[in-house]
C-alpha atoms as a PDB file:
ATOM      1  CA  PRO A   1     274.890 152.767 140.558  1.00  0.00           C
ATOM      2  CA  PRO A   2     277.523 155.378 141.365  1.00  0.00           C
ATOM      3  CA  GLY A   3     279.708 154.645 144.358  1.00  0.00           C
ATOM      4  CA  GLY A   4     278.822 150.952 144.386  1.00  0.00           C
ATOM      5  CA  GLU A   5     275.670 151.645 146.392  1.00  0.00           C
ATOM      6  CA  PRO A   6     272.813 149.106 146.273  1.00  0.00           C
ATOM      7  CA  PRO A   7     270.012 149.850 143.818  1.00  0.00           C
ATOM      8  CA  ALA A   8     267.425 152.285 145.160  1.00  0.00           C
ATOM      9  CA  MET A   9     264.310 150.232 144.360  1.00  0.00           C
ATOM     10  CA  ASN A  10     262.701 148.245 147.157  1.00  0.00           C
ATOM     11  CA  GLN A  11     259.949 145.644 146.616  1.00  0.00           C
ATOM     12  CA  LYS A  12     258.117 146.989 149.684  1.00  0.00           C
ATOM     13  CA  ILE A  13     256.653 149.733 147.459  1.00  0.00           C
ATOM     14  CA  PHE A  14     254.253 147.185 145.925  1.00  0.00           C
ATOM     15  CA  ALA A  15     252.727 146.259 149.303  1.00  0.00           C
ATOM     16  CA  LEU A  16     251.681 149.784 150.313  1.00  0.00           C
ATOM     17  CA  GLY A  17     248.478 150.010 148.273  1.00  0.00           C
ATOM     18  CA  LEU A  18     249.559 153.225 146.547  1.00  0.00           C
ATOM     19  CA  PRO A  19     248.019 154.347 143.238  1.00  0.00           C
ATOM     20  CA  VAL A  20     249.667 152.982 140.095  1.00  0.00           C
ATOM     21  CA  GLU A  21     250.920 156.457 139.136  1.00  0.00           C
ATOM     22  CA  THR A  22     252.605 156.901 142.517  1.00  0.00           C
ATOM     23  CA  VAL A  23     254.338 153.521 142.288  1.00  0.00           C
ATOM     24  CA  SER A  24     255.401 154.428 138.727  1.00  0.00           C
ATOM     25  CA  LEU A  25     256.894 157.672 139.995  1.00  0.00           C
ATOM     26  CA  TYR A  26     258.785 155.790 142.712  1.00  0.00           C
ATOM     27  CA  LEU A  27     260.228 153.450 140.061  1.00  0.00           C
ATOM     28  CA  LEU A  28     261.244 156.433 137.911  1.00  0.00           C
ATOM     29  CA  CYS A  29     262.914 158.044 140.925  1.00  0.00           C
ATOM     30  CA  CYS A  30     264.819 154.828 141.603  1.00  0.00           C
ATOM     31  CA  ALA A  31     265.973 154.583 137.987  1.00  0.00           C
ATOM     32  CA  LEU A  32     267.189 158.188 137.993  1.00  0.00           C
ATOM     33  CA  ALA A  33     268.893 157.748 141.377  1.00  0.00           C
ATOM     34  CA  ASP A  34     270.633 154.579 140.137  1.00  0.00           C
ATOM     35  CA  GLN A  35     271.954 156.600 137.174  1.00  0.00           C
ATOM     36  CA  GLY A  36     273.187 159.355 139.478  1.00  0.00           C
ATOM     37  CA  THR A  37     270.620 161.850 138.130  1.00  0.00           C
ATOM     38  CA  ALA A  38     269.236 164.455 140.546  1.00  0.00           C
ATOM     39  CA  LEU A  39     265.617 163.865 141.557  1.00  0.00           C
ATOM     40  CA  THR A  40     264.241 167.228 140.532  1.00  0.00           C
ATOM     41  CA  GLN A  41     260.768 167.961 139.229  1.00  0.00           C
ATOM     42  CA  GLU A  42     262.385 169.065 135.944  1.00  0.00           C
ATOM     43  CA  ASN A  43     264.267 165.768 135.513  1.00  0.00           C
ATOM     44  CA  LEU A  44     261.204 163.754 136.488  1.00  0.00           C
ATOM     45  CA  LEU A  45     258.997 165.603 133.981  1.00  0.00           C
ATOM     46  CA  LYS A  46     261.394 164.525 131.196  1.00  0.00           C
ATOM     47  CA  VAL A  47     260.507 160.860 131.820  1.00  0.00           C
ATOM     48  CA  TRP A  48     256.980 161.212 133.270  1.00  0.00           C
ATOM     49  CA  ASN A  49     254.174 160.246 130.879  1.00  0.00           C
ATOM     50  CA  ASP A  50     251.222 161.753 132.773  1.00  0.00           C
ATOM     51  CA  SER A  51     250.233 165.347 133.521  1.00  0.00           C
ATOM     52  CA  PRO A  52     252.423 167.714 135.557  1.00  0.00           C
ATOM     53  CA  GLN A  53     249.526 167.908 138.048  1.00  0.00           C
ATOM     54  CA  ARG A  54     249.578 164.134 138.514  1.00  0.00           C
ATOM     55  CA  LEU A  55     253.348 164.297 138.999  1.00  0.00           C
ATOM     56  CA  SER A  56     252.845 166.842 141.787  1.00  0.00           C
ATOM     57  CA  GLN A  57     250.150 164.658 143.393  1.00  0.00           C
ATOM     58  CA  SER A  58     252.371 161.586 143.262  1.00  0.00           C
ATOM     59  CA  LEU A  59     255.353 163.497 144.671  1.00  0.00           C
ATOM     60  CA  ALA A  60     253.134 164.662 147.535  1.00  0.00           C
ATOM     61  CA  GLU A  61     251.969 161.074 148.197  1.00  0.00           C
ATOM     62  CA  LEU A  62     255.543 159.778 148.270  1.00  0.00           C
ATOM     63  CA  ALA A  63     256.592 162.638 150.569  1.00  0.00           C
ATOM     64  CA  ALA A  64     253.623 162.046 152.894  1.00  0.00           C
ATOM     65  CA  ARG A  65     254.729 158.413 153.288  1.00  0.00           C
ATOM     66  CA  LYS A  66     258.327 159.574 153.831  1.00  0.00           C
ATOM     67  CA  ILE A  67     259.441 157.533 150.813  1.00  0.00           C
ATOM     68  CA  LEU A  68     260.828 160.739 149.310  1.00  0.00           C
ATOM     69  CA  GLN A  69     261.972 163.798 151.188  1.00  0.00           C
ATOM     70  CA  PRO A  70     262.897 167.281 150.016  1.00  0.00           C
ATOM     71  CA  ALA A  71     266.633 167.760 149.583  1.00  0.00           C
ATOM     72  CA  ALA A  72     268.904 170.610 148.541  1.00  0.00           C
ATOM     73  CA  ALA A  73     268.766 169.621 144.875  1.00  0.00           C
ATOM     74  CA  GLY A  74     265.160 168.368 144.674  1.00  0.00           C
ATOM     75  CA  PHE A  75     264.294 165.117 146.441  1.00  0.00           C
ATOM     76  CA  GLN A  76     266.047 162.097 147.889  1.00  0.00           C
ATOM     77  CA  LEU A  77     264.825 158.564 148.443  1.00  0.00           C
ATOM     78  CA  ASN A  78     264.603 157.361 152.022  1.00  0.00           C
ATOM     79  CA  PRO A  79     265.486 153.785 152.982  1.00  0.00           C
ATOM     80  CA  PRO A  80     262.411 151.556 153.488  1.00  0.00           C
ATOM     81  CA  ASP A  81     262.858 151.461 157.273  1.00  0.00           C
ATOM     82  CA  ARG A  82     261.974 155.192 157.327  1.00  0.00           C
ATOM     83  CA  TRP A  83     258.798 154.840 155.260  1.00  0.00           C
ATOM     84  CA  GLN A  84     255.407 155.327 156.865  1.00  0.00           C
ATOM     85  CA  THR A  85     253.336 152.298 155.904  1.00  0.00           C
END
């Protein structure tokens, strides 16, 4: 990852009982973040293999759990200690 930061993905995501699509979106967000790619809806749609509506639902679920939060250029991942479980 850029800047020598630790990888974004945290195993805790699998223990939250989230829908498969939402966990998949989290993993996509982590992969993009590790590559230094902005987490925008446009960038996510390029790699998302479900409907745009399902992407919006999954983004909302991740935001509701404070796993993702809105940022100036789309979204940013929060560290696991900020997640609502």
